[in-house]
Every structure is written in structure tokens, then in C-alpha cells.
Amino acid sequence: MRLQRLAGMFGLMAVMLGSAAVSQAEVKVGDQLPKLNATGLYNNTYGVDIHDLEGYVVVVEFWATWCGPCRAAIPHMNEIFEKYKDKGVLIISLSDEDDVTVKPFVKQMNMKYLVGSGSKSINDFGVNGIPHAFLTDTKGKVIWAGHPMAGLEESIDNAVKEFKPVRRLGGGPEWNSHLLDEIELAISKSNYGEARDELKHLDLNSMHPENPKDELGVRYKKVLGILAKQAESEYAEAIVLVRDQQYEKAILILKSLAAEFSTDALGKKAADELDRINHDPTIMKERRLAKVEIIAANALKRARKILADGNQISAYRRLTSIVKKYPGTQAAGEASVLIEGLKGDEELMKTIEASGEGG
């Protein structure tokens, strides 16, 4: 119990120190970001040089594996990374713990952003409590500092709009080759949505698709053709679904195409078809009726379950309610048949009529 109390006290101290770190940190808003250091660097898929950060909006976070509040912030930091990684935002999370401690922890906690171990940078920043983060503009000037769960995301959003980062994670022939491997693998498995999503991360500035001698450009042109053809096929499928009155399935496909190809002719076609579906009086009526059918079917399923459990009176109430609330539906027709069957039980009907609920 004593050890548990001590652990709780240390956790509370970490939170308190983390909240107080803004006023105690030597590096303040307006200062230039000190040089960073680390003995180990994990999740560096993009080949980032932590000594060359100009052009990015940068988040530098200090943390440790033993720190409860730091662990609690990891899912939030993952979300921020996914949201901003293609918008020129770089997250570097530094711990002063050794490589042996940090490396397995990164994998265990599924940390997706850049993580450094064996870092002494915390001393250069003057941080007294963790977790604590700093946000810089594209020139390395600190524009925000504080707990990563308290205002960081909003500050990043504002920084991206104001400073317009000119660098992105990933780029160059090596990166494109790696990504094209992933795209071609996804296509081979018919994971076309995944392939189209990965396509957005290619560094197009370093490829020349019209040059037959540019191997990567040729590969890019080929996968682009395959994915464009597949997308057209999905659009055609959606049109067939509309014709067959399977509107909800069609809408899901059209929404995806409209979002993924928002700047292309296909995206416009999908958006126009969505608009037509959403404003066609006949389709709107059919969609409403279809929703009512689903609601009634679910209600009938629950009534059947109650009847199977032997609660005939409660089942009768539910069945009559379905007939009254959802007339004309298939569920109402089936409920009527079940009601007629229950009416054959004279003792049951006497009990129901005595309760004033007979029909």
C-alpha cells in the first residue's frame, strides 16, 4: 500500500510539474529552438534530420516511459500526427532514457511519430516537468509552449494556416520507390481505397511521368491508370445501386469518390449524383420508407425474442404497437399474423382484455 501511495504521489507530482513548466522553462515563446540531440531515433520512416528542421512547423515534446501523464498523451499525439503529417508538421518526442528502455516502449504503445532516446535536450530547454511541448514556426521560433493535451492541436492548426510549411514528411526517389511498393501491394490485394490514400503522399515534384526513362514516373503513371479505372468502375456500381433503389450503399460509394477526387471530373460527377439523390422527391420518399422498414424490422425482431422467451403479454403489446406505428411495412404484416396466432389463446386474450390492452 505504501508503494502504491508513493506511485500515486509521483504521478501527481508529474502532472503538477508539467502544468507549471511553462513559467519555469528557460526556452520561452519568442525564443529560437535550441539544437536537438538523441542517441536513438525511432519511426524515422521519412529520413528526417533533426538538425535540419527549417520549413516545417515543429512540435518538440519531452516525456518519459515512467510518466503516467506522458503515457496518457500518446493517443492524442498519434491523432495529431495523423492529422497533420501531410501538412508540413513534424512531431519529435524526446526522452532522456536509454535506447533499451525506449525502443520496445515505442512499439508497445504504437507511437507513430518521431521518437528520440538518450536525449539531453531537456536540459537545454530548462524543462522542469513532463510531459511538456514546444511548437515552432517554420523558422524555428517558439510560438507556443505547454502541456500537449492543453491547446497544442489548436495552436498547430493556427500555425499551419499562418506560416504555410514548405516541407512535407517524405520525398525524393527513395521515398517514392518505397511508397509505390506499398501502393502496388495494396492494388494486388484489391485494397484500392488504401492505394488511393497512399497515392496522396507521393513526392510528385521529383517524378516525371511523361519521361519513359524515369522508372518511378512510369510506375506512377501505371498505378494512376489502374486506380482511375477502378474508381470509374466504383462510380458505375453506384449508379446501378441507385437504379436498384439501394440508395444507402450508393451514397457511401459516391461520398467517398466525391471526397477523394474532389478536384477531378470523377469527383464532380459523384458530387452531382449525390446532390440529385438528396433532392429528388421520389428518392427522398423511398429512402424514408426504407428507413421505416428497417426500424419496424428491428422492432419485430425484439418482439419475436420476447415471444420466444415466453412473455406473451409483453410480446402482444409490442406486436400491436408495430402494426399501429408502421402500417404498410413488411414487419407490420408479419406482426399481424403473430397477433392472430396469439388471439387463438382464449385465456391469454382474457388476461390482455382485462388489462384494457386488447385489440
Protein backbone atom coordinates (compact mmCIF):
# COMPACT_ATOMS: atom_id res chain seq x y z
CA MET A 1 0.00 0.00 0.00
CA ARG A 2 2.86 2.35 0.83
CA LEU A 3 4.42 1.76 -2.59
CA GLN A 4 1.05 2.42 -4.27
CA ARG A 5 0.69 5.71 -2.37
CA LEU A 6 4.21 6.72 -3.37
CA ALA A 7 3.49 5.86 -7.02
CA GLY A 8 0.34 7.98 -6.87
CA MET A 9 2.29 10.87 -5.35
CA PHE A 10 4.93 10.70 -8.09
CA GLY A 11 2.20 10.66 -10.76
CA LEU A 12 0.57 13.71 -9.19
CA MET A 13 3.94 15.47 -9.00
CA ALA A 14 4.50 14.82 -12.72
CA VAL A 15 1.15 16.40 -13.56
CA MET A 16 1.80 19.39 -11.28
CA LEU A 17 5.29 19.93 -12.64
CA GLY A 18 4.01 19.58 -16.21
CA SER A 19 1.43 22.31 -15.66
CA ALA A 20 3.99 24.58 -14.03
CA ALA A 21 6.66 24.04 -16.67
CA VAL A 22 5.54 26.94 -18.87
CA SER A 23 6.66 29.53 -16.37
CA GLN A 24 9.82 27.64 -15.32
CA ALA A 25 11.18 26.67 -18.75
CA GLU A 26 14.17 28.69 -19.89
CA VAL A 27 13.01 28.45 -23.50
CA LYS A 28 10.01 30.75 -23.86
CA VAL A 29 7.64 31.83 -26.60
CA GLY A 30 9.60 34.06 -28.94
CA ASP A 31 12.91 32.23 -28.38
CA GLN A 32 14.72 30.25 -31.06
CA LEU A 33 14.56 26.46 -30.80
CA PRO A 34 17.82 25.04 -29.40
CA LYS A 35 19.58 22.26 -31.34
CA LEU A 36 18.15 18.83 -30.62
CA ASN A 37 20.06 15.65 -29.81
CA ALA A 38 19.26 11.95 -29.33
CA THR A 39 21.23 8.71 -29.34
CA GLY A 40 18.37 6.70 -30.86
CA LEU A 41 15.69 7.81 -33.32
CA TYR A 42 12.58 5.69 -33.96
CA ASN A 43 9.76 5.84 -36.55
CA ASN A 44 12.06 7.81 -38.83
CA THR A 45 10.48 6.33 -41.96
CA TYR A 46 10.80 9.68 -43.70
CA GLY A 47 14.54 10.07 -43.05
CA VAL A 48 14.19 13.28 -41.04
CA ASP A 49 17.37 15.07 -39.94
CA ILE A 50 16.59 16.60 -36.52
CA HIS A 51 19.30 19.21 -37.15
CA ASP A 52 17.56 20.43 -40.32
CA LEU A 53 14.02 21.47 -39.41
CA GLU A 54 13.55 24.75 -41.28
CA GLY A 55 10.41 24.76 -43.39
CA TYR A 56 8.43 22.53 -41.03
CA VAL A 57 6.09 23.54 -38.24
CA VAL A 58 7.74 21.55 -35.43
CA VAL A 59 6.45 20.06 -32.17
CA VAL A 60 9.15 19.09 -29.67
CA GLU A 61 7.78 17.10 -26.74
CA PHE A 62 9.66 15.95 -23.62
CA TRP A 63 8.41 12.77 -21.96
CA ALA A 64 9.44 9.51 -20.25
CA THR A 65 8.20 5.92 -20.18
CA TRP A 66 7.61 6.03 -16.40
CA CYS A 67 5.45 9.17 -16.61
CA GLY A 68 1.71 8.40 -16.38
CA PRO A 69 0.52 11.72 -17.90
CA CYS A 70 3.03 11.21 -20.74
CA ARG A 71 1.57 7.77 -21.50
CA ALA A 72 -1.95 9.21 -21.38
CA ALA A 73 -0.99 11.81 -24.01
CA ILE A 74 0.31 9.27 -26.57
CA PRO A 75 -3.06 8.52 -28.29
CA HIS A 76 -3.64 12.27 -28.61
CA MET A 77 -0.18 12.79 -30.11
CA ASN A 78 -0.84 9.93 -32.56
CA GLU A 79 -4.05 11.64 -33.67
CA ILE A 80 -2.23 14.93 -34.16
CA PHE A 81 0.48 13.18 -36.18
CA GLU A 82 -2.06 11.51 -38.50
CA LYS A 83 -3.99 14.75 -38.94
CA TYR A 84 -1.03 16.99 -39.76
CA LYS A 85 1.76 14.77 -41.12
CA ASP A 86 0.93 15.73 -44.71
CA LYS A 87 0.59 19.40 -43.88
CA GLY A 88 4.22 20.07 -43.01
CA VAL A 89 4.02 19.36 -39.26
CA LEU A 90 6.82 17.36 -37.63
CA ILE A 91 6.49 15.84 -34.14
CA ILE A 92 9.70 14.96 -32.28
CA SER A 93 9.20 13.36 -28.86
CA LEU A 94 12.40 13.18 -26.78
CA SER A 95 13.23 11.11 -23.68
CA ASP A 96 16.46 11.13 -21.69
CA GLU A 97 16.06 7.38 -21.06
CA ASP A 98 18.35 4.90 -22.80
CA ASP A 99 17.66 3.10 -26.07
CA VAL A 100 16.98 -0.25 -24.38
CA THR A 101 14.13 1.33 -22.38
CA VAL A 102 12.60 3.48 -25.11
CA LYS A 103 12.76 1.23 -28.20
CA PRO A 104 10.38 -1.54 -27.00
CA PHE A 105 8.09 1.05 -25.39
CA VAL A 106 7.63 2.83 -28.74
CA LYS A 107 6.44 -0.42 -30.30
CA GLN A 108 4.32 -1.44 -27.32
CA MET A 109 2.46 1.90 -27.24
CA ASN A 110 2.21 2.13 -31.05
CA MET A 111 3.80 5.58 -31.07
CA LYS A 112 3.60 6.74 -34.71
CA TYR A 113 5.59 9.96 -34.63
CA LEU A 114 9.35 10.54 -34.38
CA VAL A 115 10.72 9.41 -31.01
CA GLY A 116 14.22 10.02 -29.67
CA SER A 117 16.00 8.29 -26.78
CA GLY A 118 19.10 9.26 -24.78
CA SER A 119 18.38 12.95 -25.37
CA LYS A 120 19.94 15.65 -23.20
CA SER A 121 17.93 18.41 -24.89
CA ILE A 122 15.63 18.71 -21.88
CA ASN A 123 18.49 20.49 -20.08
CA ASP A 124 18.90 22.98 -22.92
CA PHE A 125 15.20 23.79 -22.78
CA GLY A 126 15.13 24.10 -18.98
CA VAL A 127 12.04 21.92 -18.63
CA ASN A 128 11.20 21.00 -15.03
CA GLY A 129 8.11 18.86 -15.56
CA ILE A 130 6.81 16.44 -18.18
CA PRO A 131 5.02 16.00 -20.48
CA HIS A 132 5.87 19.39 -21.93
CA ALA A 133 5.80 20.50 -25.55
CA PHE A 134 7.10 23.38 -27.65
CA LEU A 135 5.72 24.48 -31.03
CA THR A 136 7.79 26.42 -33.55
CA ASP A 137 7.11 28.26 -36.77
CA THR A 138 8.88 27.32 -40.00
CA LYS A 139 11.94 29.37 -38.99
CA GLY A 140 12.39 27.62 -35.64
CA LYS A 141 10.91 30.34 -33.42
CA VAL A 142 8.88 29.06 -30.46
CA ILE A 143 5.25 30.18 -30.83
CA TRP A 144 3.60 28.06 -28.12
CA ALA A 145 4.63 26.01 -25.06
CA GLY A 146 2.68 23.89 -22.60
CA HIS A 147 1.12 20.55 -21.81
CA PRO A 148 0.49 18.61 -25.08
CA MET A 149 -3.13 17.93 -24.05
CA ALA A 150 -3.90 21.60 -23.41
CA GLY A 151 -4.20 23.65 -26.58
CA LEU A 152 -1.48 22.11 -28.75
CA GLU A 153 -3.76 20.95 -31.57
CA GLU A 154 -5.46 24.32 -31.91
CA SER A 155 -2.07 26.05 -31.93
CA ILE A 156 -0.81 23.71 -34.67
CA ASP A 157 -3.89 24.40 -36.75
CA ASN A 158 -3.30 28.14 -36.49
CA ALA A 159 0.43 27.74 -37.23
CA VAL A 160 -0.20 25.73 -40.41
CA LYS A 161 -2.57 28.43 -41.69
CA GLU A 162 -0.31 31.31 -40.76
CA PHE A 163 3.15 30.01 -41.65
CA LYS A 164 2.29 27.65 -44.53
CA PRO A 165 5.05 25.00 -44.20
CA VAL A 166 7.02 24.43 -47.39
CA ARG A 167 8.33 20.98 -46.45
CA ARG A 168 6.45 17.72 -46.07
CA LEU A 169 7.34 14.40 -44.48
CA GLY A 170 8.66 12.12 -47.17
CA GLY A 171 10.09 12.99 -50.55
CA GLY A 172 12.66 12.13 -53.18
CA PRO A 173 13.23 8.99 -55.29
CA GLU A 174 13.88 6.66 -52.35
CA TRP A 175 10.67 7.70 -50.62
CA ASN A 176 8.65 7.41 -53.85
CA SER A 177 10.05 3.95 -54.55
CA HIS A 178 9.06 2.79 -51.05
CA LEU A 179 5.57 4.25 -51.39
CA LEU A 180 5.00 2.84 -54.88
CA ASP A 181 5.88 -0.60 -53.49
CA GLU A 182 3.13 -0.14 -50.90
CA ILE A 183 0.64 1.11 -53.50
CA GLU A 184 1.31 -1.77 -55.87
CA LEU A 185 0.95 -4.25 -53.00
CA ALA A 186 -2.39 -2.71 -52.00
CA ILE A 187 -3.60 -2.93 -55.62
CA SER A 188 -2.58 -6.60 -55.83
CA LYS A 189 -4.81 -7.23 -52.80
CA SER A 190 -7.67 -5.16 -54.29
CA ASN A 191 -7.32 -2.61 -51.46
CA TYR A 192 -7.99 0.26 -53.86
CA GLY A 193 -9.06 2.77 -51.22
CA GLU A 194 -5.81 2.20 -49.32
CA ALA A 195 -3.80 2.54 -52.54
CA ARG A 196 -5.52 5.82 -53.45
CA ASP A 197 -4.87 7.14 -49.97
CA GLU A 198 -1.15 6.30 -50.21
CA LEU A 199 -1.03 7.97 -53.62
CA LYS A 200 -1.57 11.34 -51.93
CA HIS A 201 1.77 11.04 -50.09
CA LEU A 202 3.99 10.72 -53.18
CA ASP A 203 6.51 13.45 -53.90
CA LEU A 204 5.33 14.37 -57.41
CA ASN A 205 7.94 17.10 -57.79
CA SER A 206 10.72 14.51 -58.05
CA MET A 207 9.00 12.40 -60.74
CA HIS A 208 8.48 12.90 -64.48
CA PRO A 209 5.72 10.51 -65.61
CA GLU A 210 5.94 11.61 -69.26
CA ASN A 211 9.61 10.65 -69.46
CA PRO A 212 9.86 6.92 -70.36
CA LYS A 213 13.34 6.83 -68.82
CA ASP A 214 12.01 7.85 -65.40
CA GLU A 215 11.27 4.42 -63.92
CA LEU A 216 9.39 5.80 -60.91
CA GLY A 217 7.39 8.14 -63.13
CA VAL A 218 6.39 5.21 -65.35
CA ARG A 219 5.32 3.18 -62.31
CA TYR A 220 3.33 6.12 -61.00
CA LYS A 221 1.57 6.57 -64.35
CA LYS A 222 0.69 2.88 -64.44
CA VAL A 223 -0.84 2.74 -60.93
CA LEU A 224 -2.64 6.01 -61.60
CA GLY A 225 -4.30 4.42 -64.64
CA ILE A 226 -5.30 1.31 -62.70
CA LEU A 227 -6.77 3.33 -59.82
CA ALA A 228 -8.59 5.73 -62.14
CA LYS A 229 -10.18 2.79 -63.97
CA GLN A 230 -11.18 1.20 -60.66
CA ALA A 231 -12.70 4.47 -59.42
CA GLU A 232 -14.76 4.75 -62.62
CA SER A 233 -15.90 1.18 -62.02
CA GLU A 234 -16.99 2.10 -58.48
CA TYR A 235 -18.94 5.06 -59.85
CA ALA A 236 -20.70 2.78 -62.35
CA GLU A 237 -21.52 0.38 -59.49
CA ALA A 238 -23.05 3.25 -57.52
CA ILE A 239 -25.25 4.21 -60.47
CA VAL A 240 -26.51 0.60 -60.72
CA LEU A 241 -27.24 0.62 -56.98
CA VAL A 242 -29.27 3.82 -57.39
CA ARG A 243 -31.23 2.21 -60.21
CA ASP A 244 -31.88 -0.81 -57.95
CA GLN A 245 -33.02 1.58 -55.18
CA GLN A 246 -30.13 0.59 -52.89
CA TYR A 247 -29.58 4.23 -52.10
CA GLU A 248 -27.63 3.99 -48.86
CA LYS A 249 -24.95 1.74 -50.38
CA ALA A 250 -24.73 4.02 -53.40
CA ILE A 251 -24.41 7.12 -51.25
CA LEU A 252 -21.45 5.63 -49.32
CA ILE A 253 -19.58 4.98 -52.57
CA LEU A 254 -20.43 8.37 -54.07
CA LYS A 255 -19.40 10.25 -50.92
CA SER A 256 -16.03 8.50 -50.93
CA LEU A 257 -15.43 9.27 -54.62
CA ALA A 258 -16.54 12.89 -54.25
CA ALA A 259 -14.08 13.39 -51.39
CA GLU A 260 -11.13 11.51 -52.92
CA PHE A 261 -11.45 13.07 -56.36
CA SER A 262 -12.74 16.49 -55.36
CA THR A 263 -10.55 18.26 -57.95
CA ASP A 264 -11.23 15.81 -60.81
CA ALA A 265 -14.11 15.26 -63.21
CA LEU A 266 -14.98 11.97 -61.49
CA GLY A 267 -15.34 13.73 -58.14
CA LYS A 268 -17.67 16.29 -59.69
CA LYS A 269 -19.79 13.53 -61.28
CA ALA A 270 -20.05 11.78 -57.91
CA ALA A 271 -20.93 15.04 -56.13
CA ASP A 272 -23.57 15.88 -58.74
CA GLU A 273 -25.17 12.44 -58.40
CA LEU A 274 -25.20 12.81 -54.62
CA ASP A 275 -26.90 16.17 -54.95
CA ARG A 276 -29.51 14.68 -57.27
CA ILE A 277 -30.23 11.80 -54.87
CA ASN A 278 -30.54 14.16 -51.91
CA HIS A 279 -33.03 16.44 -53.71
CA ASP A 280 -35.11 14.02 -55.78
CA PRO A 281 -38.58 13.93 -54.10
CA THR A 282 -39.27 10.35 -55.20
CA ILE A 283 -35.92 9.08 -53.94
CA MET A 284 -36.27 11.02 -50.70
CA LYS A 285 -39.64 9.35 -50.11
CA GLU A 286 -38.25 5.90 -50.92
CA ARG A 287 -35.31 6.42 -48.55
CA ARG A 288 -37.67 7.46 -45.74
CA LEU A 289 -39.80 4.37 -46.32
CA ALA A 290 -36.72 2.16 -46.38
CA LYS A 291 -35.62 3.58 -43.03
CA VAL A 292 -39.07 2.93 -41.59
CA GLU A 293 -38.86 -0.67 -42.85
CA ILE A 294 -35.54 -1.10 -41.03
CA ILE A 295 -36.89 0.39 -37.80
CA ALA A 296 -40.01 -1.79 -37.98
CA ALA A 297 -37.96 -4.90 -38.73
CA ASN A 298 -35.77 -4.26 -35.67
CA ALA A 299 -38.87 -3.76 -33.51
CA LEU A 300 -40.32 -7.04 -34.80
CA LYS A 301 -37.06 -8.84 -34.06
CA ARG A 302 -37.26 -7.66 -30.42
CA ALA A 303 -40.93 -8.70 -30.19
CA ARG A 304 -40.13 -12.17 -31.53
CA LYS A 305 -37.38 -12.52 -28.91
CA ILE A 306 -39.82 -11.60 -26.12
CA LEU A 307 -42.35 -14.09 -27.51
CA ALA A 308 -39.69 -16.83 -27.65
CA ASP A 309 -38.85 -16.10 -24.01
CA GLY A 310 -42.48 -16.91 -23.12
CA ASN A 311 -43.66 -13.39 -22.26
CA GLN A 312 -46.75 -13.44 -24.45
CA ILE A 313 -48.49 -10.42 -22.94
CA SER A 314 -45.48 -8.14 -23.46
CA ALA A 315 -44.98 -9.57 -26.96
CA TYR A 316 -48.63 -8.90 -27.82
CA ARG A 317 -48.26 -5.27 -26.73
CA ARG A 318 -45.17 -4.81 -28.89
CA LEU A 319 -46.71 -6.52 -31.92
CA THR A 320 -49.83 -4.37 -31.82
CA SER A 321 -47.63 -1.30 -31.45
CA ILE A 322 -45.73 -2.27 -34.62
CA VAL A 323 -48.98 -2.64 -36.57
CA LYS A 324 -50.16 0.81 -35.45
CA LYS A 325 -46.84 2.70 -35.81
CA TYR A 326 -45.57 1.14 -39.06
CA PRO A 327 -48.61 0.33 -41.22
CA GLY A 328 -47.84 -0.98 -44.68
CA THR A 329 -44.42 -2.35 -43.75
CA GLN A 330 -43.46 -5.99 -44.11
CA ALA A 331 -42.86 -6.12 -40.35
CA ALA A 332 -46.40 -4.89 -39.69
CA GLY A 333 -47.79 -7.68 -41.90
CA GLU A 334 -45.77 -10.32 -40.06
CA ALA A 335 -46.74 -8.82 -36.71
CA SER A 336 -50.44 -9.10 -37.70
CA VAL A 337 -50.00 -12.81 -38.41
CA LEU A 338 -48.38 -13.34 -35.00
CA ILE A 339 -51.16 -11.39 -33.28
CA GLU A 340 -53.80 -13.59 -34.91
CA GLY A 341 -51.95 -16.63 -33.59
CA LEU A 342 -51.95 -15.21 -30.05
CA LYS A 343 -55.66 -14.44 -30.30
CA GLY A 344 -56.30 -18.17 -30.55
CA ASP A 345 -55.33 -18.45 -26.89
CA GLU A 346 -58.61 -17.54 -25.09
CA GLU A 347 -57.07 -17.38 -21.61
CA LEU A 348 -54.32 -15.07 -22.84
CA MET A 349 -56.82 -12.76 -24.54
CA LYS A 350 -58.97 -12.60 -21.39
CA THR A 351 -55.92 -11.50 -19.43
CA ILE A 352 -54.99 -8.90 -22.06
CA GLU A 353 -58.57 -7.58 -22.32
CA ALA A 354 -58.79 -7.36 -18.52
CA SER A 355 -55.76 -5.11 -18.61
CA GLY A 356 -57.50 -2.86 -21.14
CA GLU A 357 -54.99 -3.57 -23.90
CA GLY A 358 -56.99 -5.96 -26.09
CA GLY A 359 -57.35 -5.11 -29.78
